[in-house]
Every structure is written in structure tokens, then in C-alpha cells.
Amino acid sequence: MFATLSDRLTATFKNLRSKGRLSEADIDATVREIRRALLDADVAVSVVRAFTGTVRERALSAEVSGALNPAQQVVKIVNEELVAVLGGEQRALRFAKTPPTVILLAGLQGAGKTTLAGKLARHLREQGHTPLLVAADLQRPNAVTQLQVVGERAGVPVHAPHPGTQESAEAAGPAVPPGDPVAVAREGLDLARTRQHDVLIVDTAGRLGVDAEMMQQAADIRDAVQPDEILFVIDAMIGQDAVTTAQAFADGVGFTGVVLSKLDGDARGGAALSVASVTGRPIMFASTGEKLTDFEVFHPDRMASRILDMGDVLSLIEQAEKAFDAEQAERMAGKLAGGEDFTLEDFLVQVQGLRQMGSMKKMLGMLPGMGQMREAIDSFDEREVDRIEAIVRSMTPAERSTPKIINGSRRARIARGSGTTASEVNQLLERFAAAQKMMRQMARGGATPGMPGMGALPGMGGKKSRGRMAPQPKKGKKGRSGNPAKRAQQEREAAERAAGRTPQAPAGSAFGLGGARPPAEPADVEVPPGLERFLGR
């Protein structure tokens, strides 16, 4: 959503980095570009004015003039002020001392409250809570049915005693009296206490615009259930009206937190970023897609990093921890440490883990500097992961464990079985060979996966070296000689070593006669006390 704003700010800072020393004119020009970028992104004018004023004041202060790299210091100031605009620190849900914790969802019709209720319930269920959904939106057609479907997909029970407004009289049955949303919410609270649900999520009705009837109904439900949290769900795509609507709800009903929905849209969305600054209420959650899994806790610092194209590696790590099995990862690390090779079966497991993490485009966008590759990311085909899985599943167990046996006829068979072409099979095998090589380098570097070939460095995996670089093992493999006789001797010695025999020294060598006694093993050598650690004992 914030791609345009991110591109504008990144271009501004790129021009700034080319200057070693910043003058007042440079800072004024930078602040002017930031102001234009924020206004073009639909950020509220009052927020833009306060933001740019603070940035200019800090940029002209001693913290920039005395910095070793003034341009980086300005970027740091913009990042800190952007975090402040987004609410400062992340705030978690406040749970009641005596269950159930009541969460009331409020907002305009079409903001995504019903879907968000299921996402929030699923999120809480994964944390060990036992939520209950209450269908108190009896006004919008089929809102109750939608919440029941969403609750079933989320694995959360739904209290829906009244069918609400239906699209046809046949679906609702004859003479359905109008329901009372306040009574439904009160019954849901009693049911949660009886069945010992520790969280109650109440879905309320909305309108296409702010009116007195909607505000009164939301206020009555609030008074009936006494919620611990009132979350205002706002559509991030509605533009400047987001600030006006948020202020009206804050005055009429009041809310304790904001939830941004539809952050996966292509609108400018800057007005949604103004809500926290205008209302003084923190943004607590964000909905980033249509699936129930497209839901995340809102971290102002991470969102600011995304906007400034600094990436969001922490969120990426959290998603990976959820998607990948810890025991499976431990087995993989033990396998690499034991010298076993990385196979296509292991590759398939890693690909399936990536699928569970969600959209590849979203994950790539969380990496630092990916804003410069936005066109390539947008053109990425998400079905590529499905094709990879189909190709690997079309192989036999022997082919997965030993890809070298895949010849031309096998490639043709695999391509037919997976619905792809032989060239696509070749491309996958080439990518796998590169991944296998990287895994071997990681295994040689140390038991703990780290940077390839960097296992002996402190903090990069492998054994620690007490702040000094550990001695690298000597390579036993020498280059082949250009002399045919000498090369034949090298090949014989290599064959003897592979067979477990000590190569015999040739007669007339500088070290004695052939068949000399092999050197003593390190275990037979007496080592002075204190030197054992240098021999790995």
C-alpha cells in the first residue's frame, strides 16, 4: 500500500547521501520533498505540518551537524519521527483480571469487521485462549451467516441466536421479528461465562456513513457488555475520510485501539497512518489480505522500516518460526553436521515451509532494499512454488536422493508427470545444485548453520574462538600435476587413502625407503599440559 510513499522517500534520501556536508538549503529541500511525498500519500495536513516541522528542527540541530555521516543521521531522524506518528510503541491487548475479556469491534460498514473478528479469534486461539464470537450485526444482509462461516474456518464457536437480515424472505423464513443486538450481546456474555470462554469478541453493525442511530446502537452494546477493549476497524483505502470517521467514533463511542484493514490494497493509504496521531489511540493490529492468516500485530517501528525500505526482518523471522517445525529444523541441522548430503526430499520440505509462511511477494518485500526491485517482485509468479513441488513429487525416491542419475529420459518423464517442460526440470536441478553446494559449505563451516565458509569466525556459526580467529584446517587436496607420471602417482595415493591405506613412499624418496612405518596417531603423542585445546581434545 505504501509503495509510492516508500519510493519517494527513498529517492529523496538517495540524493541526500551524495553530499558529505549538509547545508541549511539542503535540509530545506529535503524537508520539502518529504512534505510533498506525505501529502501525495494522503496523510492528514496537520500531521504533515507537525512531522516536517519536527524533522527540520532536529536536522538543523547539533545532532546532525556534528555527526560523522549527516545524511544517515537525517534518515535516522525521519525514521524516529515516523515511528512517533504511527503511535510510538506497540501495545498489546489488555486482558481482564476476571475472564472473559470482552472485545468490541466498531466501524463503518464495509471496513472488514466481520472478517477481522475471525482473524482476531484465530490469532487468540493460537495463543492458547478460548474465544467466542457474537453475531450482533443484525442489520447487514447475511452478516450473521458470514460470521458463522468465518468462525468455522477459524475453529472458533459463534453465538448467533438470531439470523439477522437475510437477502430473501425464503432464507429467513416466515415472519422473522427484528432482532435486538443489545440483547444478543448480553446473552453472548452470559454464555461465555457459563462455558468458561476467556475472550468474547462482539461483531457490531455499521453504516455507510456516520449517523446518530449507529452511534447510539454501538453505545448501547458498549454499556451492556462493558468491554475491556473497543477496537475501531478502519479501511486503509478510504482516504482523508478515515481521520474524520475516527474522530467521530472517538467522540461518540470511544475506542481504545485501531485496527487497519485492507493494507494489501494499492491505494495511497496515508490517511490511515494519521489516525494514531490525530486520535491519540494506538494502532494495534493490521489486516494484510483476505485469508485468515493475513493478520499481524502492528509494530510502529517495523512499519516505519518498511516505508523507508529498510525491511522488516523481525516479522519475517516470526513468520518463519511459525511455519517451520523446530524439531524438523533440528534434525536438518544434525544431518548437515553429520556429513549427510542435502537431498531433494529435504528441498521439498523447505519449499513446503515457505508456502506455509504465506505470499512470496510479501516475504520478499520484508527484505531490506527490496524497494529497488519492486517491479521484479510484482512480476513474480506465486505458482512457481507449486511447479517446484509438482516436479519434485514426480521423481522417484532414488532420484530425489541422488539427482545425478536423472538423465534425458528421466527428465522427460518427470516433465510429463508434473505438467512442465524438460527445461523447467533442468532449471530446478540447477537451482538445487546451488542450494546443495551452499549447504555443504555451511556444514564445513560448523555444526551451526551460518554464513557459507564462515563457521570459524566469532558469531558466524561453528566453534567459538575466544575473540580470535580459529585456525583453519589444512586442505588435504592438492591440484593435479601437469606431469603424467606424477599425476598417476597422485591418483594412486588418492585411491589408497580412499581405501583406508596409508600411501607408501616411493623408493629413493627424501624420507626413507618404501613401506616406512606410518606416522603415529595424535593419541600416541604426549602433549604438554595446557595445549590439549589446540588439538581439539
Protein backbone atom coordinates (compact mmCIF):
# COMPACT_ATOMS: atom_id res chain seq x y z
CA MET A 1 0.00 0.00 0.00
CA PHE A 2 2.78 2.42 0.90
CA ALA A 3 4.89 1.67 -2.18
CA THR A 4 4.58 5.17 -3.66
CA LEU A 5 5.46 6.84 -0.37
CA SER A 6 8.39 4.48 0.11
CA ASP A 7 9.74 5.18 -3.39
CA ARG A 8 9.50 8.93 -2.94
CA LEU A 9 11.27 8.92 0.43
CA THR A 10 13.95 6.50 -0.80
CA ALA A 11 14.71 8.75 -3.80
CA THR A 12 14.94 11.78 -1.52
CA PHE A 13 17.44 10.10 0.80
CA LYS A 14 19.43 8.78 -2.15
CA ASN A 15 20.07 12.33 -3.35
CA LEU A 16 20.97 13.31 0.19
CA ARG A 17 23.62 10.61 0.61
CA SER A 18 25.68 12.01 -2.26
CA LYS A 19 26.58 15.07 -0.16
CA GLY A 20 29.22 14.86 2.55
CA ARG A 21 28.13 18.00 4.36
CA LEU A 22 24.57 19.33 4.61
CA SER A 23 23.73 23.00 4.44
CA GLU A 24 20.50 24.61 5.57
CA ALA A 25 19.39 24.79 1.94
CA ASP A 26 19.95 21.03 1.56
CA ILE A 27 17.85 20.32 4.65
CA ASP A 28 15.07 22.66 3.49
CA ALA A 29 14.98 20.93 0.09
CA THR A 30 14.85 17.51 1.77
CA VAL A 31 12.06 18.53 4.12
CA ARG A 32 10.16 20.00 1.15
CA GLU A 33 10.36 16.67 -0.72
CA ILE A 34 9.25 14.77 2.39
CA ARG A 35 6.26 17.12 2.75
CA ARG A 36 5.24 16.54 -0.88
CA ALA A 37 5.61 12.77 -0.53
CA LEU A 38 3.44 12.66 2.60
CA LEU A 39 0.75 14.90 1.08
CA ASP A 40 0.70 12.81 -2.10
CA ALA A 41 0.25 9.74 0.12
CA ASP A 42 -2.91 11.32 1.59
CA VAL A 43 -1.50 11.91 5.08
CA ALA A 44 -3.51 14.47 7.06
CA VAL A 45 -2.28 18.03 6.59
CA SER A 46 -1.99 18.69 10.33
CA VAL A 47 0.13 15.57 10.75
CA VAL A 48 2.37 16.52 7.81
CA ARG A 49 2.88 20.01 9.17
CA ALA A 50 3.87 18.77 12.63
CA PHE A 51 6.05 15.98 11.20
CA THR A 52 8.08 18.12 8.81
CA GLY A 53 8.46 20.87 11.41
CA THR A 54 10.00 18.47 13.90
CA VAL A 55 12.24 16.88 11.28
CA ARG A 56 13.56 20.28 10.14
CA GLU A 57 14.20 21.44 13.69
CA ARG A 58 16.14 18.30 14.57
CA ALA A 59 18.01 18.26 11.24
CA LEU A 60 19.33 21.79 11.85
CA SER A 61 20.46 20.93 15.37
CA ALA A 62 23.85 19.81 16.59
CA GLU A 63 22.98 16.10 16.32
CA VAL A 64 23.25 16.36 12.52
CA SER A 65 25.95 18.99 12.13
CA GLY A 66 28.25 17.07 14.46
CA ALA A 67 27.55 13.63 13.01
CA LEU A 68 30.16 11.70 11.06
CA ASN A 69 27.56 10.96 8.37
CA PRO A 70 24.93 13.75 8.34
CA ALA A 71 22.79 12.07 5.64
CA GLN A 72 22.39 8.89 7.70
CA GLN A 73 21.56 10.99 10.74
CA VAL A 74 18.72 12.67 8.83
CA VAL A 75 17.37 9.28 7.81
CA LYS A 76 17.53 8.22 11.47
CA ILE A 77 15.57 11.34 12.48
CA VAL A 78 12.88 10.70 9.84
CA ASN A 79 12.60 7.08 10.97
CA GLU A 80 12.18 8.06 14.63
CA GLU A 81 9.56 10.71 13.84
CA LEU A 82 7.69 8.30 11.55
CA VAL A 83 7.58 5.77 14.39
CA ALA A 84 6.14 8.50 16.65
CA VAL A 85 3.45 9.34 14.06
CA LEU A 86 2.48 5.64 13.88
CA GLY A 87 1.96 5.50 17.64
CA GLY A 88 5.40 5.07 19.15
CA GLU A 89 5.43 1.68 20.84
CA GLN A 90 3.36 -1.40 20.12
CA ARG A 91 0.59 -2.01 22.64
CA ALA A 92 -0.77 -5.46 23.32
CA LEU A 93 -4.34 -6.35 24.26
CA ARG A 94 -5.32 -5.76 27.88
CA PHE A 95 -6.94 -8.85 29.31
CA ALA A 96 -9.40 -8.69 32.16
CA LYS A 97 -8.36 -9.93 35.59
CA THR A 98 -11.59 -11.92 35.72
CA PRO A 99 -12.48 -13.66 32.42
CA PRO A 100 -13.99 -13.23 29.97
CA THR A 101 -12.14 -10.35 28.31
CA VAL A 102 -14.70 -8.52 26.15
CA ILE A 103 -13.53 -7.03 22.84
CA LEU A 104 -16.00 -4.85 20.93
CA LEU A 105 -15.43 -4.23 17.20
CA ALA A 106 -16.79 -0.95 15.79
CA GLY A 107 -16.52 0.80 12.44
CA LEU A 108 -18.27 1.64 9.20
CA GLN A 109 -19.95 -0.93 7.00
CA GLY A 110 -17.51 -2.47 4.56
CA ALA A 111 -14.46 -1.84 6.74
CA GLY A 112 -14.00 -5.59 7.23
CA LYS A 113 -15.18 -6.04 10.84
CA THR A 114 -16.71 -9.49 10.35
CA THR A 115 -13.67 -10.99 8.64
CA LEU A 116 -11.41 -9.30 11.15
CA ALA A 117 -13.39 -10.87 14.00
CA GLY A 118 -12.47 -14.31 12.67
CA LYS A 119 -8.82 -13.33 12.16
CA LEU A 120 -8.55 -11.95 15.69
CA ALA A 121 -10.28 -15.04 17.14
CA ARG A 122 -7.88 -17.33 15.29
CA HIS A 123 -4.91 -15.25 16.46
CA LEU A 124 -6.03 -15.52 20.08
CA ARG A 125 -6.79 -19.23 19.77
CA GLU A 126 -3.22 -19.86 18.58
CA GLN A 127 -2.01 -18.10 21.73
CA GLY A 128 -3.89 -20.54 23.92
CA HIS A 129 -7.11 -18.58 24.52
CA THR A 130 -10.65 -19.86 24.06
CA PRO A 131 -12.53 -17.06 22.24
CA LEU A 132 -16.26 -16.88 21.49
CA LEU A 133 -17.69 -14.82 18.63
CA VAL A 134 -21.01 -12.99 18.99
CA ALA A 135 -23.04 -12.04 15.89
CA ALA A 136 -24.52 -8.70 16.98
CA ASP A 137 -24.68 -7.29 13.43
CA LEU A 138 -28.33 -7.94 12.62
CA GLN A 139 -28.64 -5.16 10.08
CA ARG A 140 -26.38 -6.02 7.13
CA PRO A 141 -27.79 -8.82 4.94
CA ASN A 142 -26.21 -12.22 5.69
CA ALA A 143 -23.76 -10.73 8.20
CA VAL A 144 -24.66 -13.47 10.71
CA THR A 145 -24.13 -16.20 8.12
CA GLN A 146 -20.78 -14.70 7.13
CA LEU A 147 -19.59 -14.67 10.75
CA GLN A 148 -20.65 -18.30 11.18
CA VAL A 149 -18.64 -19.30 8.11
CA VAL A 150 -15.62 -17.30 9.26
CA GLY A 151 -15.87 -18.76 12.76
CA GLU A 152 -15.99 -22.30 11.39
CA ARG A 153 -12.88 -21.68 9.29
CA ALA A 154 -11.10 -20.19 12.31
CA GLY A 155 -12.14 -23.07 14.55
CA VAL A 156 -13.98 -20.77 16.97
CA PRO A 157 -17.62 -21.14 18.15
CA VAL A 158 -20.15 -18.45 17.22
CA HIS A 159 -23.15 -17.31 19.28
CA ALA A 160 -25.82 -16.39 16.73
CA PRO A 161 -29.35 -16.77 18.22
CA HIS A 162 -30.91 -14.51 15.57
CA PRO A 163 -30.50 -14.94 11.78
CA GLY A 164 -30.46 -11.17 11.19
CA THR A 165 -31.43 -9.57 7.90
CA GLN A 166 -31.48 -12.02 5.00
CA GLU A 167 -31.26 -11.33 1.29
CA SER A 168 -34.57 -13.11 0.66
CA ALA A 169 -37.64 -13.86 2.75
CA GLU A 170 -37.33 -17.56 1.90
CA ALA A 171 -33.89 -17.83 3.53
CA ALA A 172 -35.04 -16.12 6.70
CA GLY A 173 -38.31 -18.00 6.95
CA PRO A 174 -41.75 -16.53 7.50
CA ALA A 175 -42.27 -13.56 9.83
CA VAL A 176 -38.84 -13.17 11.42
CA PRO A 177 -39.13 -10.39 14.01
CA PRO A 178 -36.41 -7.76 14.13
CA GLY A 179 -33.61 -8.76 16.46
CA ASP A 180 -32.17 -6.82 19.35
CA PRO A 181 -28.34 -6.61 19.01
CA VAL A 182 -28.02 -5.41 22.61
CA ALA A 183 -29.82 -8.49 23.91
CA VAL A 184 -27.71 -10.76 21.66
CA ALA A 185 -24.50 -9.23 23.02
CA ARG A 186 -25.71 -9.61 26.61
CA GLU A 187 -26.65 -13.26 26.02
CA GLY A 188 -23.24 -13.88 24.49
CA LEU A 189 -21.54 -12.52 27.60
CA ASP A 190 -23.61 -14.82 29.83
CA LEU A 191 -22.81 -17.79 27.56
CA ALA A 192 -19.08 -17.02 27.67
CA ARG A 193 -19.17 -17.04 31.48
CA THR A 194 -21.14 -20.27 31.55
CA ARG A 195 -18.91 -22.13 29.09
CA GLN A 196 -15.75 -20.53 30.50
CA HIS A 197 -14.54 -18.76 27.36
CA ASP A 198 -11.79 -16.35 28.37
CA VAL A 199 -12.32 -13.96 25.41
CA LEU A 200 -15.57 -12.60 23.93
CA ILE A 201 -15.45 -10.84 20.54
CA VAL A 202 -18.60 -8.88 19.63
CA ASP A 203 -19.19 -8.01 15.96
CA THR A 204 -21.42 -4.92 15.66
CA ALA A 205 -23.29 -3.30 12.78
CA GLY A 206 -22.01 -0.38 10.74
CA ARG A 207 -23.35 2.15 8.30
CA LEU A 208 -22.15 3.56 5.01
CA GLY A 209 -21.59 6.81 6.85
CA VAL A 210 -21.55 8.14 10.38
CA ASP A 211 -25.08 8.67 11.76
CA ALA A 212 -26.74 9.03 15.15
CA GLU A 213 -28.56 5.66 15.05
CA MET A 214 -25.37 3.69 14.53
CA MET A 215 -23.57 5.59 17.28
CA GLN A 216 -26.43 5.02 19.71
CA GLN A 217 -26.59 1.28 18.98
CA ALA A 218 -22.83 0.90 19.46
CA ALA A 219 -23.02 2.89 22.70
CA ASP A 220 -25.89 0.69 23.98
CA ILE A 221 -23.92 -2.51 23.25
CA ARG A 222 -20.90 -0.96 24.97
CA ASP A 223 -22.93 -0.20 28.08
CA ALA A 224 -24.45 -3.69 28.08
CA VAL A 225 -21.22 -5.72 27.92
CA GLN A 226 -18.71 -3.26 29.44
CA PRO A 227 -15.87 -4.15 27.02
CA ASP A 228 -12.25 -4.21 28.10
CA GLU A 229 -11.14 -3.22 24.59
CA ILE A 230 -13.02 -1.30 21.90
CA LEU A 231 -11.25 -1.72 18.57
CA PHE A 232 -12.06 0.71 15.79
CA VAL A 233 -11.71 -1.09 12.44
CA ILE A 234 -10.81 1.33 9.67
CA ASP A 235 -10.46 0.74 5.95
CA ALA A 236 -6.98 1.92 4.97
CA MET A 237 -8.23 2.77 1.47
CA ILE A 238 -10.92 5.36 2.23
CA GLY A 239 -8.60 8.36 2.10
CA GLN A 240 -8.92 11.53 4.15
CA ASP A 241 -12.34 10.47 5.42
CA ALA A 242 -10.53 7.98 7.67
CA VAL A 243 -9.46 10.75 10.04
CA THR A 244 -12.96 12.30 10.15
CA THR A 245 -14.62 8.93 10.81
CA ALA A 246 -12.11 8.02 13.51
CA GLN A 247 -12.66 11.31 15.28
CA ALA A 248 -16.45 10.85 15.13
CA PHE A 249 -16.21 7.36 16.68
CA ALA A 250 -13.81 8.63 19.33
CA ASP A 251 -16.30 11.31 20.35
CA GLY A 252 -19.48 9.21 20.04
CA VAL A 253 -18.48 5.75 21.30
CA GLY A 254 -14.84 5.92 22.21
CA PHE A 255 -12.26 3.28 21.39
CA THR A 256 -9.04 2.04 22.90
CA GLY A 257 -7.22 0.89 19.77
CA VAL A 258 -7.25 0.95 15.98
CA VAL A 259 -7.13 -1.94 13.51
CA LEU A 260 -6.09 -1.20 9.92
CA SER A 261 -7.76 -3.41 7.33
CA LYS A 262 -7.07 -3.90 3.61
CA LEU A 263 -3.40 -2.96 3.86
CA ASP A 264 -2.80 -5.15 0.82
CA GLY A 265 -4.64 -2.65 -1.40
CA ASP A 266 -2.97 -0.33 -3.88
CA ALA A 267 -4.43 2.93 -2.55
CA ARG A 268 -2.17 5.59 -1.10
CA GLY A 269 -3.33 4.83 2.45
CA GLY A 270 -1.51 7.69 4.14
CA ALA A 271 -4.66 8.84 5.93
CA ALA A 272 -4.74 5.61 7.90
CA LEU A 273 -1.29 6.43 9.23
CA SER A 274 -2.69 9.70 10.55
CA VAL A 275 -5.28 8.04 12.81
CA ALA A 276 -2.91 7.30 15.68
CA SER A 277 -1.56 10.85 15.70
CA VAL A 278 -4.96 12.54 15.39
CA THR A 279 -6.92 10.42 17.90
CA GLY A 280 -4.10 9.52 20.27
CA ARG A 281 -5.13 5.84 20.12
CA PRO A 282 -2.54 3.21 19.11
CA ILE A 283 -2.75 1.03 16.02
CA MET A 284 -2.80 -2.49 17.44
CA PHE A 285 -3.42 -4.86 14.52
CA ALA A 286 -3.26 -4.87 10.73
CA SER A 287 -5.12 -6.99 8.19
CA THR A 288 -2.95 -7.60 5.12
CA GLY A 289 -5.09 -9.88 2.95
CA GLU A 290 -8.26 -11.92 2.55
CA LYS A 291 -7.05 -15.11 4.23
CA LEU A 292 -7.46 -15.68 7.95
CA THR A 293 -3.69 -15.93 8.24
CA ASP A 294 -3.18 -12.45 6.73
CA PHE A 295 -3.28 -10.82 10.15
CA GLU A 296 -0.41 -9.41 12.19
CA VAL A 297 0.32 -7.37 15.27
CA PHE A 298 1.12 -3.78 14.30
CA HIS A 299 4.62 -2.64 15.26
CA PRO A 300 5.18 1.08 14.53
CA ASP A 301 8.95 0.69 14.27
CA ARG A 302 8.67 -2.20 11.82
CA MET A 303 6.11 -0.38 9.66
CA ALA A 304 8.36 2.68 9.58
CA SER A 305 11.24 0.48 8.46
CA ARG A 306 9.11 -0.93 5.65
CA ILE A 307 8.10 2.53 4.48
CA LEU A 308 11.75 3.66 4.44
CA ASP A 309 12.75 0.47 2.55
CA MET A 310 14.79 -0.81 5.49
CA GLY A 311 12.92 -4.10 5.56
CA ASP A 312 11.18 -5.95 8.36
CA VAL A 313 13.42 -8.88 9.17
CA LEU A 314 11.92 -9.44 12.65
CA SER A 315 8.44 -10.08 11.26
CA LEU A 316 9.96 -12.38 8.65
CA ILE A 317 11.71 -14.37 11.39
CA GLU A 318 8.49 -14.62 13.41
CA GLN A 319 6.62 -15.98 10.40
CA ALA A 320 9.39 -18.50 9.76
CA GLU A 321 9.25 -19.70 13.37
CA LYS A 322 5.52 -20.31 12.99
CA ALA A 323 5.81 -22.08 9.64
CA PHE A 324 8.85 -24.30 10.23
CA ASP A 325 8.86 -27.15 12.72
CA ALA A 326 11.61 -26.72 15.34
CA GLU A 327 12.22 -30.48 15.62
CA GLN A 328 12.42 -30.77 11.86
CA ALA A 329 14.92 -27.92 11.69
CA GLU A 330 16.98 -29.56 14.44
CA ARG A 331 17.04 -32.83 12.51
CA MET A 332 18.17 -30.97 9.40
CA ALA A 333 20.98 -29.27 11.35
CA GLY A 334 22.06 -32.63 12.80
CA LYS A 335 22.01 -34.18 9.36
CA LEU A 336 24.27 -31.48 7.94
CA ALA A 337 26.58 -31.66 10.95
CA GLY A 338 26.85 -35.43 10.48
CA GLY A 339 28.13 -35.01 6.95
CA GLU A 340 24.96 -36.21 5.20
CA ASP A 341 24.10 -34.51 1.93
CA PHE A 342 21.17 -32.18 1.28
CA THR A 343 18.63 -34.04 -0.90
CA LEU A 344 15.65 -33.07 -2.99
CA GLU A 345 13.42 -34.56 -0.27
CA ASP A 346 14.87 -32.00 2.15
CA PHE A 347 14.47 -29.34 -0.52
CA LEU A 348 10.78 -30.23 -0.82
CA VAL A 349 10.32 -29.86 2.94
CA GLN A 350 11.89 -26.37 2.81
CA VAL A 351 9.63 -25.37 -0.11
CA GLN A 352 6.54 -26.52 1.77
CA GLY A 353 7.66 -24.45 4.76
CA LEU A 354 7.92 -21.39 2.52
CA ARG A 355 4.38 -21.99 1.29
CA GLN A 356 3.12 -22.02 4.87
CA MET A 357 4.75 -18.65 5.51
CA GLY A 358 2.39 -17.00 3.02
CA SER A 359 2.88 -14.93 -0.09
CA MET A 360 6.40 -14.95 -1.52
CA LYS A 361 5.93 -11.36 -2.71
CA LYS A 362 5.11 -10.29 0.83
CA MET A 363 8.14 -12.09 2.26
CA LEU A 364 10.48 -10.62 -0.36
CA GLY A 365 9.11 -7.16 0.39
CA MET A 366 10.22 -7.54 4.01
CA LEU A 367 13.88 -7.74 3.00
CA PRO A 368 15.94 -4.53 3.17
CA GLY A 369 16.44 -2.69 -0.11
CA MET A 370 13.79 -4.63 -2.00
CA GLY A 371 12.03 -1.41 -2.98
CA GLN A 372 14.55 -1.10 -5.80
CA MET A 373 13.36 -4.47 -7.13
CA ARG A 374 9.64 -3.83 -6.77
CA GLU A 375 8.88 -4.43 -10.46
CA ALA A 376 10.65 -7.79 -10.37
CA ILE A 377 8.83 -8.76 -7.16
CA ASP A 378 5.46 -7.73 -8.57
CA SER A 379 6.05 -9.83 -11.67
CA PHE A 380 6.96 -12.90 -9.60
CA ASP A 381 4.60 -15.79 -10.27
CA GLU A 382 3.35 -17.30 -6.99
CA ARG A 383 2.58 -20.53 -8.86
CA GLU A 384 6.31 -21.15 -9.26
CA VAL A 385 6.33 -22.77 -5.81
CA ASP A 386 3.55 -25.13 -6.90
CA ARG A 387 5.51 -26.08 -10.02
CA ILE A 388 8.61 -26.83 -7.95
CA GLU A 389 6.62 -29.10 -5.65
CA ALA A 390 5.00 -30.87 -8.62
CA ILE A 391 8.38 -31.53 -10.24
CA VAL A 392 9.92 -32.97 -7.07
CA ARG A 393 6.86 -35.13 -6.36
CA SER A 394 7.10 -36.57 -9.88
CA MET A 395 10.52 -38.02 -9.08
CA THR A 396 11.20 -41.45 -7.63
CA PRO A 397 12.77 -41.75 -4.14
CA ALA A 398 16.08 -42.71 -5.76
CA GLU A 399 16.01 -39.63 -7.98
CA ARG A 400 15.28 -37.37 -5.01
CA SER A 401 18.20 -38.76 -3.01
CA THR A 402 20.62 -38.91 -5.99
CA PRO A 403 19.73 -36.29 -8.62
CA LYS A 404 22.82 -37.21 -10.68
CA ILE A 405 21.02 -40.28 -12.04
CA ILE A 406 18.41 -38.11 -13.77
CA ASN A 407 19.19 -38.43 -17.46
CA GLY A 408 17.32 -37.26 -20.54
CA SER A 409 14.59 -39.91 -20.47
CA ARG A 410 14.02 -39.40 -16.76
CA ARG A 411 13.75 -35.63 -17.30
CA ALA A 412 11.12 -36.19 -19.98
CA ARG A 413 9.15 -38.50 -17.67
CA ILE A 414 9.33 -36.03 -14.76
CA ALA A 415 8.23 -33.18 -17.04
CA ARG A 416 5.21 -35.17 -18.24
CA GLY A 417 4.26 -36.18 -14.71
CA SER A 418 4.46 -32.62 -13.36
CA GLY A 419 2.88 -30.88 -16.34
CA THR A 420 6.04 -28.88 -17.04
CA THR A 421 8.81 -28.91 -19.63
CA ALA A 422 12.25 -30.52 -19.59
CA SER A 423 13.88 -27.08 -19.49
CA GLU A 424 11.96 -26.24 -16.29
CA VAL A 425 13.16 -29.51 -14.76
CA ASN A 426 16.73 -28.58 -15.72
CA GLN A 427 16.35 -25.15 -14.14
CA LEU A 428 15.12 -26.70 -10.90
CA LEU A 429 18.03 -29.14 -10.82
CA GLU A 430 20.48 -26.28 -11.37
CA ARG A 431 18.95 -24.26 -8.52
CA PHE A 432 19.02 -27.31 -6.30
CA ALA A 433 22.69 -27.93 -7.10
CA ALA A 434 23.46 -24.36 -5.99
CA ALA A 435 21.47 -24.88 -2.77
CA GLN A 436 23.23 -28.18 -2.15
CA LYS A 437 26.62 -26.53 -2.59
CA MET A 438 25.67 -23.81 -0.10
CA MET A 439 24.55 -26.43 2.43
CA ARG A 440 27.87 -28.24 2.08
CA GLN A 441 29.73 -25.01 2.73
CA MET A 442 27.62 -24.40 5.82
CA ALA A 443 28.30 -27.93 7.06
CA ARG A 444 32.06 -27.47 6.59
CA GLY A 445 31.92 -24.13 8.36
CA GLY A 446 30.41 -25.62 11.53
CA ALA A 447 27.56 -27.60 13.00
CA THR A 448 25.51 -24.44 13.47
CA PRO A 449 24.21 -23.05 10.18
CA GLY A 450 25.77 -19.69 9.42
CA MET A 451 27.31 -17.83 6.54
CA PRO A 452 28.85 -20.24 4.00
CA GLY A 453 32.50 -20.83 4.76
CA MET A 454 32.43 -18.51 7.80
CA GLY A 455 31.90 -21.07 10.52
CA ALA A 456 35.26 -20.38 12.20
CA LEU A 457 34.57 -16.70 12.75
CA PRO A 458 33.06 -15.49 16.05
CA GLY A 459 29.29 -15.18 15.84
CA MET A 460 29.05 -16.80 12.40
CA GLY A 461 28.35 -20.39 13.49
CA GLY A 462 30.67 -23.23 14.38
CA LYS A 463 33.08 -23.24 17.31
CA LYS A 464 33.88 -20.03 19.10
CA SER A 465 37.47 -18.81 19.12
CA ARG A 466 37.58 -16.59 22.24
CA GLY A 467 37.66 -13.41 20.17
CA ARG A 468 40.49 -14.63 17.89
CA MET A 469 40.22 -16.25 14.51
CA ALA A 470 40.38 -20.02 14.94
CA PRO A 471 42.98 -21.87 12.86
CA GLN A 472 41.55 -23.10 9.62
CA PRO A 473 42.03 -26.82 8.82
CA LYS A 474 44.59 -27.51 6.15
CA LYS A 475 43.24 -28.68 2.87
CA GLY A 476 44.35 -32.19 2.03
CA LYS A 477 43.55 -31.99 -1.67
CA LYS A 478 46.24 -30.64 -3.97
CA GLY A 479 45.97 -29.59 -7.56
CA ARG A 480 46.77 -32.23 -10.18
CA SER A 481 50.22 -32.08 -11.65
CA GLY A 482 50.84 -31.49 -15.33
CA ASN A 483 53.45 -34.27 -15.37
CA PRO A 484 51.72 -37.52 -16.45
CA ALA A 485 53.91 -39.74 -14.21
CA LYS A 486 53.47 -37.52 -11.19
CA ARG A 487 49.73 -37.21 -11.81
CA ALA A 488 49.45 -41.03 -11.97
CA GLN A 489 51.29 -41.26 -8.63
CA GLN A 490 48.88 -38.71 -7.10
CA GLU A 491 45.89 -40.68 -8.34
CA ARG A 492 47.31 -43.94 -6.83
CA GLU A 493 47.88 -42.21 -3.48
CA ALA A 494 44.34 -40.79 -3.53
CA ALA A 495 42.92 -44.26 -4.27
CA GLU A 496 44.91 -45.75 -1.38
CA ARG A 497 43.69 -43.06 1.00
CA ALA A 498 40.08 -43.66 -0.09
CA ALA A 499 40.57 -47.39 0.61
CA GLY A 500 41.82 -46.61 4.13
CA ARG A 501 45.50 -47.48 3.46
CA THR A 502 48.44 -45.19 4.07
CA PRO A 503 50.15 -44.27 0.79
CA GLN A 504 53.60 -45.86 0.51
CA ALA A 505 56.53 -43.53 -0.03
CA PRO A 506 58.34 -44.25 -3.30
CA ALA A 507 61.79 -45.74 -3.19
CA GLY A 508 64.57 -43.21 -3.10
CA SER A 509 62.36 -40.56 -1.59
CA ALA A 510 63.79 -37.95 0.72
CA PHE A 511 62.11 -39.53 3.74
CA GLY A 512 63.41 -43.10 3.56
CA LEU A 513 62.61 -46.40 1.94
CA GLY A 514 59.22 -47.54 0.71
CA GLY A 515 56.99 -49.25 3.22
CA ALA A 516 58.09 -46.97 6.02
CA ARG A 517 56.16 -47.18 9.26
CA PRO A 518 53.12 -44.85 9.20
CA PRO A 519 53.30 -41.84 11.49
CA ALA A 520 51.93 -42.19 14.98
CA GLU A 521 48.37 -41.15 15.63
CA PRO A 522 47.86 -37.91 17.61
CA ALA A 523 46.54 -40.01 20.51
CA ASP A 524 50.01 -41.65 20.88
CA VAL A 525 51.81 -38.35 21.29
CA GLU A 526 52.30 -36.92 24.75
CA VAL A 527 51.18 -33.31 24.82
CA PRO A 528 52.40 -30.81 27.47
CA PRO A 529 49.66 -29.76 29.90
CA GLY A 530 47.54 -26.85 28.74
CA LEU A 531 47.95 -27.49 25.00
CA GLU A 532 45.15 -30.02 24.60
CA ARG A 533 42.63 -27.35 23.49
CA PHE A 534 44.77 -26.57 20.43
CA LEU A 535 44.42 -30.21 19.31
CA GLY A 536 40.62 -30.32 19.81
CA ARG A 537 40.84 -32.73 22.77
